């Protein structure tokens, strides 16, 4: 059974922030990690991913900077802020509460 995007909709930002808690990263790398962690059952569309980056940056949860690649295209990297770490923890708790509720109903 594949995971539908409906189940994960609304948690895109939390998923991105989780990845950025580990290290700075760029869009393609984040999406690739999501695919690997889900055994290719889930991936974000580029428009969804980059819209989430814009919302997170505007809210002050992440910051961005251009990498200094010597080979290939320059990449825009994203870094989680202290405020973003706090927001991630709150979002993770909200997910855990929702999961408990759904588990009790199903």
PDB file of N, CA and C in Angstrom:
ATOM      1  N   UNK A   1       0.850  -1.182   0.000  1.00  0.00           N
ATOM      2  CA  UNK A   1       0.000   0.000   0.000  1.00  0.00           C
ATOM      3  C   UNK A   1       0.890   1.237   0.000  1.00  0.00           C
ATOM      4  N   UNK A   2       0.659   2.149  -0.930  1.00  0.00           N
ATOM      5  CA  UNK A   2       1.472   3.361  -0.979  1.00  0.00           C
ATOM      6  C   UNK A   2       0.837   4.450  -0.134  1.00  0.00           C
ATOM      7  N   UNK A   3       1.671   5.309   0.376  1.00  0.00           N
ATOM      8  CA  UNK A   3       1.214   6.408   1.213  1.00  0.00           C
ATOM      9  C   UNK A   3       0.667   7.500   0.296  1.00  0.00           C
ATOM     10  N   UNK A   4      -0.535   7.929   0.533  1.00  0.00           N
ATOM     11  CA  UNK A   4      -1.096   8.981  -0.309  1.00  0.00           C
ATOM     12  C   UNK A   4      -0.649  10.342   0.194  1.00  0.00           C
ATOM     13  N   UNK A   5      -0.575  11.275  -0.719  1.00  0.00           N
ATOM     14  CA  UNK A   5      -0.148  12.620  -0.339  1.00  0.00           C
ATOM     15  C   UNK A   5      -1.173  13.287   0.572  1.00  0.00           C
ATOM     16  N   UNK A   6      -2.434  12.844   0.513  1.00  0.00           N
ATOM     17  CA  UNK A   6      -3.449  13.416   1.391  1.00  0.00           C
ATOM     18  C   UNK A   6      -3.111  13.225   2.864  1.00  0.00           C
ATOM     19  N   UNK A   7      -2.549  12.077   3.196  1.00  0.00           N
ATOM     20  CA  UNK A   7      -2.217  11.793   4.590  1.00  0.00           C
ATOM     21  C   UNK A   7      -1.111  12.729   5.081  1.00  0.00           C
ATOM     22  N   UNK A   8      -0.167  13.045   4.203  1.00  0.00           N
ATOM     23  CA  UNK A   8       0.981  13.852   4.610  1.00  0.00           C
ATOM     24  C   UNK A   8       0.806  15.346   4.345  1.00  0.00           C
ATOM     25  N   UNK A   9      -0.231  15.694   3.607  1.00  0.00           N
ATOM     26  CA  UNK A   9      -0.473  17.100   3.307  1.00  0.00           C
ATOM     27  C   UNK A   9      -0.606  17.883   4.610  1.00  0.00           C
ATOM     28  N   UNK A  10      -0.005  19.025   4.671  1.00  0.00           N
ATOM     29  CA  UNK A  10      -0.045  19.828   5.890  1.00  0.00           C
ATOM     30  C   UNK A  10       1.161  19.590   6.781  1.00  0.00           C
ATOM     31  N   UNK A  11       1.979  18.587   6.430  1.00  0.00           N
ATOM     32  CA  UNK A  11       3.167  18.287   7.235  1.00  0.00           C
ATOM     33  C   UNK A  11       4.449  18.475   6.435  1.00  0.00           C
ATOM     34  N   UNK A  12       4.326  19.034   5.245  1.00  0.00           N
ATOM     35  CA  UNK A  12       5.484  19.250   4.379  1.00  0.00           C
ATOM     36  C   UNK A  12       6.555  20.063   5.081  1.00  0.00           C
ATOM     37  N   UNK A  13       6.158  21.152   5.717  1.00  0.00           N
ATOM     38  CA  UNK A  13       7.123  22.030   6.371  1.00  0.00           C
ATOM     39  C   UNK A  13       7.826  21.317   7.512  1.00  0.00           C
ATOM     40  N   UNK A  14       7.100  20.511   8.270  1.00  0.00           N
ATOM     41  CA  UNK A  14       7.700  19.770   9.377  1.00  0.00           C
ATOM     42  C   UNK A  14       8.703  18.744   8.848  1.00  0.00           C
ATOM     43  N   UNK A  15       8.373  18.096   7.752  1.00  0.00           N
ATOM     44  CA  UNK A  15       9.273  17.117   7.137  1.00  0.00           C
ATOM     45  C   UNK A  15      10.569  17.802   6.694  1.00  0.00           C
ATOM     46  N   UNK A  16      10.442  18.963   6.067  1.00  0.00           N
ATOM     47  CA  UNK A  16      11.617  19.715   5.625  1.00  0.00           C
ATOM     48  C   UNK A  16      12.456  20.151   6.825  1.00  0.00           C
ATOM     49  N   UNK A  17      11.800  20.678   7.847  1.00  0.00           N
ATOM     50  CA  UNK A  17      12.535  21.129   9.034  1.00  0.00           C
ATOM     51  C   UNK A  17      13.272  19.985   9.715  1.00  0.00           C
ATOM     52  N   UNK A  18      12.661  18.799   9.745  1.00  0.00           N
ATOM     53  CA  UNK A  18      13.322  17.632  10.331  1.00  0.00           C
ATOM     54  C   UNK A  18      14.631  17.367   9.614  1.00  0.00           C
ATOM     55  N   UNK A  19      14.593  17.403   8.298  1.00  0.00           N
ATOM     56  CA  UNK A  19      15.812  17.170   7.519  1.00  0.00           C
ATOM     57  C   UNK A  19      16.861  18.241   7.834  1.00  0.00           C
ATOM     58  N   UNK A  20      16.433  19.489   7.944  1.00  0.00           N
ATOM     59  CA  UNK A  20      17.373  20.587   8.191  1.00  0.00           C
ATOM     60  C   UNK A  20      17.903  20.587   9.625  1.00  0.00           C
ATOM     61  N   UNK A  21      17.237  19.892  10.536  1.00  0.00           N
ATOM     62  CA  UNK A  21      17.764  19.762  11.902  1.00  0.00           C
ATOM     63  C   UNK A  21      19.090  19.001  11.882  1.00  0.00           C
ATOM     64  N   UNK A  22      19.243  18.109  10.918  1.00  0.00           N
ATOM     65  CA  UNK A  22      20.447  17.293  10.826  1.00  0.00           C
ATOM     66  C   UNK A  22      21.603  18.041  10.168  1.00  0.00           C
ATOM     67  N   UNK A  23      21.317  18.798   9.105  1.00  0.00           N
ATOM     68  CA  UNK A  23      22.361  19.563   8.407  1.00  0.00           C
ATOM     69  C   UNK A  23      21.727  20.468   7.352  1.00  0.00           C
ATOM     70  N   UNK A  24      22.459  21.491   6.967  1.00  0.00           N
ATOM     71  CA  UNK A  24      22.020  22.360   5.878  1.00  0.00           C
ATOM     72  C   UNK A  24      21.886  21.514   4.616  1.00  0.00           C
ATOM     73  N   UNK A  25      20.978  21.922   3.755  1.00  0.00           N
ATOM     74  CA  UNK A  25      20.730  21.116   2.569  1.00  0.00           C
ATOM     75  C   UNK A  25      20.091  21.963   1.479  1.00  0.00           C
ATOM     76  N   UNK A  26      19.967  21.389   0.294  1.00  0.00           N
ATOM     77  CA  UNK A  26      19.316  22.058  -0.837  1.00  0.00           C
ATOM     78  C   UNK A  26      18.142  21.205  -1.305  1.00  0.00           C
ATOM     79  N   UNK A  27      17.285  21.791  -2.113  1.00  0.00           N
ATOM     80  CA  UNK A  27      16.019  21.174  -2.484  1.00  0.00           C
ATOM     81  C   UNK A  27      16.104  19.755  -3.005  1.00  0.00           C
ATOM     82  N   UNK A  28      16.951  19.527  -4.002  1.00  0.00           N
ATOM     83  CA  UNK A  28      17.041  18.195  -4.593  1.00  0.00           C
ATOM     84  C   UNK A  28      17.478  17.171  -3.547  1.00  0.00           C
ATOM     85  N   UNK A  29      18.432  17.532  -2.719  1.00  0.00           N
ATOM     86  CA  UNK A  29      18.941  16.614  -1.695  1.00  0.00           C
ATOM     87  C   UNK A  29      17.852  16.262  -0.670  1.00  0.00           C
ATOM     88  N   UNK A  30      17.055  17.248  -0.294  1.00  0.00           N
ATOM     89  CA  UNK A  30      15.964  17.009   0.651  1.00  0.00           C
ATOM     90  C   UNK A  30      14.936  16.059   0.045  1.00  0.00           C
ATOM     91  N   UNK A  31      14.544  16.317  -1.194  1.00  0.00           N
ATOM     92  CA  UNK A  31      13.552  15.464  -1.842  1.00  0.00           C
ATOM     93  C   UNK A  31      14.086  14.048  -2.028  1.00  0.00           C
ATOM     94  N   UNK A  32      15.353  13.917  -2.364  1.00  0.00           N
ATOM     95  CA  UNK A  32      15.980  12.604  -2.521  1.00  0.00           C
ATOM     96  C   UNK A  32      15.972  11.854  -1.183  1.00  0.00           C
ATOM     97  N   UNK A  33      16.255  12.542  -0.094  1.00  0.00           N
ATOM     98  CA  UNK A  33      16.249  11.917   1.235  1.00  0.00           C
ATOM     99  C   UNK A  33      14.849  11.449   1.606  1.00  0.00           C
ATOM    100  N   UNK A  34      13.830  12.240   1.256  1.00  0.00           N
ATOM    101  CA  UNK A  34      12.441  11.859   1.525  1.00  0.00           C
ATOM    102  C   UNK A  34      12.107  10.584   0.761  1.00  0.00           C
ATOM    103  N   UNK A  35      12.502  10.521  -0.496  1.00  0.00           N
ATOM    104  CA  UNK A  35      12.252   9.327  -1.305  1.00  0.00           C
ATOM    105  C   UNK A  35      12.950   8.111  -0.710  1.00  0.00           C
ATOM    106  N   UNK A  36      14.194   8.274  -0.302  1.00  0.00           N
ATOM    107  CA  UNK A  36      14.948   7.150   0.262  1.00  0.00           C
ATOM    108  C   UNK A  36      14.341   6.675   1.578  1.00  0.00           C
ATOM    109  N   UNK A  37      13.956   7.618   2.446  1.00  0.00           N
ATOM    110  CA  UNK A  37      13.385   7.251   3.746  1.00  0.00           C
ATOM    111  C   UNK A  37      12.043   6.547   3.600  1.00  0.00           C
ATOM    112  N   UNK A  38      11.336   6.818   2.501  1.00  0.00           N
ATOM    113  CA  UNK A  38      10.017   6.213   2.295  1.00  0.00           C
ATOM    114  C   UNK A  38      10.064   5.082   1.262  1.00  0.00           C
ATOM    115  N   UNK A  39      11.246   4.628   0.935  1.00  0.00           N
ATOM    116  CA  UNK A  39      11.408   3.550  -0.045  1.00  0.00           C
ATOM    117  C   UNK A  39      10.692   3.892  -1.357  1.00  0.00           C
ATOM    118  N   UNK A  40      10.870   5.125  -1.788  1.00  0.00           N
ATOM    119  CA  UNK A  40      10.292   5.657  -3.032  1.00  0.00           C
ATOM    120  C   UNK A  40       8.766   5.666  -3.062  1.00  0.00           C
ATOM    121  N   UNK A  41       8.136   5.654  -1.909  1.00  0.00           N
ATOM    122  CA  UNK A  41       6.676   5.717  -1.863  1.00  0.00           C
ATOM    123  C   UNK A  41       6.162   7.150  -1.821  1.00  0.00           C
ATOM    124  N   UNK A  42       7.049   8.099  -1.524  1.00  0.00           N
ATOM    125  CA  UNK A  42       6.603   9.488  -1.404  1.00  0.00           C
ATOM    126  C   UNK A  42       7.709  10.417  -1.868  1.00  0.00           C
ATOM    127  N   UNK A  43       7.305  11.427  -2.596  1.00  0.00           N
ATOM    128  CA  UNK A  43       8.218  12.504  -2.966  1.00  0.00           C
ATOM    129  C   UNK A  43       7.417  13.780  -3.088  1.00  0.00           C
ATOM    130  N   UNK A  44       8.078  14.882  -2.869  1.00  0.00           N
ATOM    131  CA  UNK A  44       7.422  16.181  -2.988  1.00  0.00           C
ATOM    132  C   UNK A  44       7.571  16.690  -4.407  1.00  0.00           C
ATOM    133  N   UNK A  45       6.529  17.317  -4.904  1.00  0.00           N
ATOM    134  CA  UNK A  45       6.629  17.982  -6.195  1.00  0.00           C
ATOM    135  C   UNK A  45       7.491  19.221  -5.989  1.00  0.00           C
ATOM    136  N   UNK A  46       8.220  19.596  -7.023  1.00  0.00           N
ATOM    137  CA  UNK A  46       9.115  20.752  -6.915  1.00  0.00           C
ATOM    138  C   UNK A  46       8.369  22.008  -6.474  1.00  0.00           C
ATOM    139  N   UNK A  47       7.189  22.232  -7.043  1.00  0.00           N
ATOM    140  CA  UNK A  47       6.416  23.425  -6.687  1.00  0.00           C
ATOM    141  C   UNK A  47       6.040  23.411  -5.207  1.00  0.00           C
ATOM    142  N   UNK A  48       5.682  22.251  -4.691  1.00  0.00           N
ATOM    143  CA  UNK A  48       5.331  22.116  -3.278  1.00  0.00           C
ATOM    144  C   UNK A  48       6.544  22.384  -2.405  1.00  0.00           C
ATOM    145  N   UNK A  49       7.665  21.806  -2.773  1.00  0.00           N
ATOM    146  CA  UNK A  49       8.904  21.957  -2.006  1.00  0.00           C
ATOM    147  C   UNK A  49       9.346  23.413  -1.950  1.00  0.00           C
ATOM    148  N   UNK A  50       9.404  24.080  -3.093  1.00  0.00           N
ATOM    149  CA  UNK A  50       9.920  25.442  -3.128  1.00  0.00           C
ATOM    150  C   UNK A  50       8.920  26.452  -2.557  1.00  0.00           C
ATOM    151  N   UNK A  51       7.633  26.165  -2.642  1.00  0.00           N
ATOM    152  CA  UNK A  51       6.639  27.011  -1.970  1.00  0.00           C
ATOM    153  C   UNK A  51       6.811  26.911  -0.458  1.00  0.00           C
ATOM    154  N   UNK A  52       7.079  25.698   0.024  1.00  0.00           N
ATOM    155  CA  UNK A  52       7.307  25.496   1.459  1.00  0.00           C
ATOM    156  C   UNK A  52       8.564  26.241   1.901  1.00  0.00           C
ATOM    157  N   UNK A  53       9.631  26.201   1.086  1.00  0.00           N
ATOM    158  CA  UNK A  53      10.839  26.959   1.421  1.00  0.00           C
ATOM    159  C   UNK A  53      10.523  28.440   1.578  1.00  0.00           C
ATOM    160  N   UNK A  54       9.734  28.979   0.655  1.00  0.00           N
ATOM    161  CA  UNK A  54       9.385  30.401   0.711  1.00  0.00           C
ATOM    162  C   UNK A  54       8.598  30.731   1.979  1.00  0.00           C
ATOM    163  N   UNK A  55       7.624  29.893   2.326  1.00  0.00           N
ATOM    164  CA  UNK A  55       6.831  30.125   3.541  1.00  0.00           C
ATOM    165  C   UNK A  55       7.711  30.040   4.792  1.00  0.00           C
ATOM    166  N   UNK A  56       8.560  29.027   4.838  1.00  0.00           N
ATOM    167  CA  UNK A  56       9.425  28.836   6.006  1.00  0.00           C
ATOM    168  C   UNK A  56      10.415  29.989   6.159  1.00  0.00           C
ATOM    169  N   UNK A  57      10.951  30.459   5.043  1.00  0.00           N
ATOM    170  CA  UNK A  57      11.913  31.568   5.115  1.00  0.00           C
ATOM    171  C   UNK A  57      11.215  32.864   5.508  1.00  0.00           C
ATOM    172  N   UNK A  58      10.051  33.098   4.945  1.00  0.00           N
ATOM    173  CA  UNK A  58       9.292  34.299   5.284  1.00  0.00           C
ATOM    174  C   UNK A  58       8.918  34.325   6.771  1.00  0.00           C
ATOM    175  N   UNK A  59       8.635  33.147   7.338  1.00  0.00           N
ATOM    176  CA  UNK A  59       8.266  33.042   8.753  1.00  0.00           C
ATOM    177  C   UNK A  59       9.483  33.110   9.681  1.00  0.00           C
ATOM    178  N   UNK A  60      10.685  33.053   9.106  1.00  0.00           N
ATOM    179  CA  UNK A  60      11.895  33.107   9.914  1.00  0.00           C
ATOM    180  C   UNK A  60      12.342  31.754  10.456  1.00  0.00           C
ATOM    181  N   UNK A  61      11.786  30.656   9.915  1.00  0.00           N
ATOM    182  CA  UNK A  61      12.129  29.320  10.390  1.00  0.00           C
ATOM    183  C   UNK A  61      13.362  28.747   9.697  1.00  0.00           C
ATOM    184  N   UNK A  62      13.659  29.257   8.515  1.00  0.00           N
ATOM    185  CA  UNK A  62      14.875  28.852   7.810  1.00  0.00           C
ATOM    186  C   UNK A  62      15.522  30.094   7.205  1.00  0.00           C
ATOM    187  N   UNK A  63      16.789  29.960   6.860  1.00  0.00           N
ATOM    188  CA  UNK A  63      17.473  30.998   6.090  1.00  0.00           C
ATOM    189  C   UNK A  63      18.133  30.300   4.907  1.00  0.00           C
ATOM    190  N   UNK A  64      18.484  31.060   3.898  1.00  0.00           N
ATOM    191  CA  UNK A  64      19.083  30.460   2.703  1.00  0.00           C
ATOM    192  C   UNK A  64      20.375  31.177   2.351  1.00  0.00           C
ATOM    193  N   UNK A  65      21.212  30.458   1.640  1.00  0.00           N
ATOM    194  CA  UNK A  65      22.458  31.031   1.143  1.00  0.00           C
ATOM    195  C   UNK A  65      22.892  30.238  -0.084  1.00  0.00           C
ATOM    196  N   UNK A  66      23.686  30.878  -0.922  1.00  0.00           N
ATOM    197  CA  UNK A  66      24.158  30.219  -2.129  1.00  0.00           C
ATOM    198  C   UNK A  66      25.446  29.486  -1.836  1.00  0.00           C
ATOM    199  N   UNK A  67      25.517  28.236  -2.285  1.00  0.00           N
ATOM    200  CA  UNK A  67      26.723  27.447  -2.126  1.00  0.00           C
ATOM    201  C   UNK A  67      27.794  27.907  -3.095  1.00  0.00           C
ATOM    202  N   UNK A  68      28.976  27.465  -2.867  1.00  0.00           N
ATOM    203  CA  UNK A  68      30.105  27.848  -3.709  1.00  0.00           C
ATOM    204  C   UNK A  68      30.640  26.612  -4.424  1.00  0.00           C
ATOM    205  N   UNK A  69      29.819  26.048  -5.310  1.00  0.00           N
ATOM    206  CA  UNK A  69      30.204  24.841  -6.037  1.00  0.00           C
ATOM    207  C   UNK A  69      31.236  25.175  -7.103  1.00  0.00           C
ATOM    208  N   UNK A  70      32.260  24.352  -7.173  1.00  0.00           N
ATOM    209  CA  UNK A  70      33.276  24.518  -8.210  1.00  0.00           C
ATOM    210  C   UNK A  70      32.877  23.793  -9.486  1.00  0.00           C
ATOM    211  N   UNK A  71      32.042  22.769  -9.343  1.00  0.00           N
ATOM    212  CA  UNK A  71      31.599  21.979 -10.490  1.00  0.00           C
ATOM    213  C   UNK A  71      30.075  21.981 -10.502  1.00  0.00           C
ATOM    214  N   UNK A  72      29.497  22.191 -11.661  1.00  0.00           N
ATOM    215  CA  UNK A  72      28.034  22.152 -11.774  1.00  0.00           C
ATOM    216  C   UNK A  72      27.382  23.465 -11.372  1.00  0.00           C
ATOM    217  N   UNK A  73      26.068  23.408 -11.307  1.00  0.00           N
ATOM    218  CA  UNK A  73      25.284  24.605 -11.012  1.00  0.00           C
ATOM    219  C   UNK A  73      25.417  25.003  -9.541  1.00  0.00           C
ATOM    220  N   UNK A  74      25.289  26.282  -9.289  1.00  0.00           N
ATOM    221  CA  UNK A  74      25.284  26.783  -7.920  1.00  0.00           C
ATOM    222  C   UNK A  74      23.993  26.367  -7.250  1.00  0.00           C
ATOM    223  N   UNK A  75      24.076  25.941  -5.994  1.00  0.00           N
ATOM    224  CA  UNK A  75      22.901  25.484  -5.266  1.00  0.00           C
ATOM    225  C   UNK A  75      22.544  26.468  -4.167  1.00  0.00           C
ATOM    226  N   UNK A  76      21.242  26.577  -3.953  1.00  0.00           N
ATOM    227  CA  UNK A  76      20.755  27.378  -2.841  1.00  0.00           C
ATOM    228  C   UNK A  76      20.546  26.443  -1.660  1.00  0.00           C
ATOM    229  N   UNK A  77      21.262  26.699  -0.588  1.00  0.00           N
ATOM    230  CA  UNK A  77      21.183  25.876   0.612  1.00  0.00           C
ATOM    231  C   UNK A  77      20.243  26.518   1.624  1.00  0.00           C
ATOM    232  N   UNK A  78      19.646  25.665   2.435  1.00  0.00           N
ATOM    233  CA  UNK A  78      18.735  26.120   3.473  1.00  0.00           C
ATOM    234  C   UNK A  78      19.250  25.644   4.825  1.00  0.00           C
ATOM    235  N   UNK A  79      19.065  26.503   5.814  1.00  0.00           N
ATOM    236  CA  UNK A  79      19.520  26.231   7.172  1.00  0.00           C
ATOM    237  C   UNK A  79      18.377  26.542   8.127  1.00  0.00           C
ATOM    238  N   UNK A  80      18.170  25.699   9.131  1.00  0.00           N
ATOM    239  CA  UNK A  80      17.109  25.937  10.103  1.00  0.00           C
ATOM    240  C   UNK A  80      17.589  26.973  11.132  1.00  0.00           C
ATOM    241  N   UNK A  81      16.707  27.855  11.527  1.00  0.00           N
ATOM    242  CA  UNK A  81      17.017  28.857  12.548  1.00  0.00           C
ATOM    243  C   UNK A  81      16.599  28.329  13.918  1.00  0.00           C
ATOM    244  N   UNK A  82      16.974  29.039  14.956  1.00  0.00           N
ATOM    245  CA  UNK A  82      16.559  28.647  16.301  1.00  0.00           C
ATOM    246  C   UNK A  82      15.034  28.669  16.404  1.00  0.00           C
ATOM    247  N   UNK A  83      14.425  29.680  15.825  1.00  0.00           N
ATOM    248  CA  UNK A  83      12.963  29.768  15.802  1.00  0.00           C
ATOM    249  C   UNK A  83      12.364  28.582  15.041  1.00  0.00           C
ATOM    250  N   UNK A  84      13.033  28.151  13.988  1.00  0.00           N
ATOM    251  CA  UNK A  84      12.587  26.996  13.213  1.00  0.00           C
ATOM    252  C   UNK A  84      12.659  25.711  14.016  1.00  0.00           C
ATOM    253  N   UNK A  85      13.681  25.591  14.852  1.00  0.00           N
ATOM    254  CA  UNK A  85      13.801  24.406  15.708  1.00  0.00           C
ATOM    255  C   UNK A  85      12.653  24.339  16.707  1.00  0.00           C
ATOM    256  N   UNK A  86      12.280  25.477  17.247  1.00  0.00           N
ATOM    257  CA  UNK A  86      11.156  25.534  18.184  1.00  0.00           C
ATOM    258  C   UNK A  86       9.863  25.166  17.461  1.00  0.00           C
ATOM    259  N   UNK A  87       9.659  25.746  16.276  1.00  0.00           N
ATOM    260  CA  UNK A  87       8.471  25.445  15.488  1.00  0.00           C
ATOM    261  C   UNK A  87       8.416  23.961  15.119  1.00  0.00           C
ATOM    262  N   UNK A  88       9.565  23.375  14.779  1.00  0.00           N
ATOM    263  CA  UNK A  88       9.621  21.950  14.454  1.00  0.00           C
ATOM    264  C   UNK A  88       9.155  21.112  15.638  1.00  0.00           C
ATOM    265  N   UNK A  89       9.655  21.414  16.825  1.00  0.00           N
ATOM    266  CA  UNK A  89       9.277  20.637  18.015  1.00  0.00           C
ATOM    267  C   UNK A  89       7.774  20.745  18.288  1.00  0.00           C
ATOM    268  N   UNK A  90       7.215  21.930  18.135  1.00  0.00           N
ATOM    269  CA  UNK A  90       5.768  22.119  18.322  1.00  0.00           C
ATOM    270  C   UNK A  90       4.977  21.345  17.271  1.00  0.00           C
ATOM    271  N   UNK A  91       5.429  21.395  16.038  1.00  0.00           N
ATOM    272  CA  UNK A  91       4.748  20.682  14.949  1.00  0.00           C
ATOM    273  C   UNK A  91       4.831  19.177  15.137  1.00  0.00           C
ATOM    274  N   UNK A  92       5.976  18.712  15.608  1.00  0.00           N
ATOM    275  CA  UNK A  92       6.147  17.277  15.854  1.00  0.00           C
ATOM    276  C   UNK A  92       5.201  16.811  16.963  1.00  0.00           C
ATOM    277  N   UNK A  93       5.058  17.612  18.006  1.00  0.00           N
ATOM    278  CA  UNK A  93       4.130  17.269  19.089  1.00  0.00           C
ATOM    279  C   UNK A  93       2.691  17.242  18.578  1.00  0.00           C
ATOM    280  N   UNK A  94       2.334  18.206  17.741  1.00  0.00           N
ATOM    281  CA  UNK A  94       0.981  18.240  17.167  1.00  0.00           C
ATOM    282  C   UNK A  94       0.733  16.989  16.333  1.00  0.00           C
ATOM    283  N   UNK A  95       1.739  16.557  15.550  1.00  0.00           N
ATOM    284  CA  UNK A  95       1.613  15.332  14.755  1.00  0.00           C
ATOM    285  C   UNK A  95       1.407  14.127  15.665  1.00  0.00           C
ATOM    286  N   UNK A  96       2.187  14.035  16.732  1.00  0.00           N
ATOM    287  CA  UNK A  96       2.081  12.901  17.645  1.00  0.00           C
ATOM    288  C   UNK A  96       0.704  12.851  18.308  1.00  0.00           C
ATOM    289  N   UNK A  97       0.163  14.013  18.656  1.00  0.00           N
ATOM    290  CA  UNK A  97      -1.181  14.065  19.254  1.00  0.00           C
ATOM    291  C   UNK A  97      -2.232  13.636  18.242  1.00  0.00           C
ATOM    292  N   UNK A  98      -2.113  14.102  17.006  1.00  0.00           N
ATOM    293  CA  UNK A  98      -3.053  13.722  15.958  1.00  0.00           C
ATOM    294  C   UNK A  98      -2.962  12.223  15.673  1.00  0.00           C
ATOM    295  N   UNK A  99      -1.757  11.696  15.653  1.00  0.00           N
ATOM    296  CA  UNK A  99      -1.557  10.265  15.412  1.00  0.00           C
ATOM    297  C   UNK A  99      -2.228   9.438  16.518  1.00  0.00           C
ATOM    298  N   UNK A 100      -2.061   9.845  17.765  1.00  0.00           N
ATOM    299  CA  UNK A 100      -2.712   9.137  18.879  1.00  0.00           C
ATOM    300  C   UNK A 100      -4.222   9.163  18.723  1.00  0.00           C
ATOM    301  N   UNK A 101      -4.751  10.303  18.355  1.00  0.00           N
ATOM    302  CA  UNK A 101      -6.191  10.444  18.168  1.00  0.00           C
ATOM    303  C   UNK A 101      -6.700   9.534  17.055  1.00  0.00           C
ATOM    304  N   UNK A 102      -6.005   9.539  15.935  1.00  0.00           N
ATOM    305  CA  UNK A 102      -6.396   8.691  14.807  1.00  0.00           C
ATOM    306  C   UNK A 102      -6.283   7.224  15.192  1.00  0.00           C
ATOM    307  N   UNK A 103      -5.197   6.868  15.872  1.00  0.00           N
ATOM    308  CA  UNK A 103      -5.031   5.476  16.326  1.00  0.00           C
ATOM    309  C   UNK A 103      -6.188   5.044  17.209  1.00  0.00           C
ATOM    310  N   UNK A 104      -6.639   5.934  18.073  1.00  0.00           N
ATOM    311  CA  UNK A 104      -7.743   5.569  18.965  1.00  0.00           C
ATOM    312  C   UNK A 104      -9.066   5.426  18.219  1.00  0.00           C
ATOM    313  N   UNK A 105      -9.197   6.147  17.117  1.00  0.00           N
ATOM    314  CA  UNK A 105     -10.428   6.070  16.330  1.00  0.00           C
ATOM    315  C   UNK A 105     -10.446   4.887  15.375  1.00  0.00           C
ATOM    316  N   UNK A 106      -9.285   4.456  14.949  1.00  0.00           N
ATOM    317  CA  UNK A 106      -9.214   3.353  13.988  1.00  0.00           C
ATOM    318  C   UNK A 106      -8.934   2.054  14.707  1.00  0.00           C
TER     319      UNK A 106
END
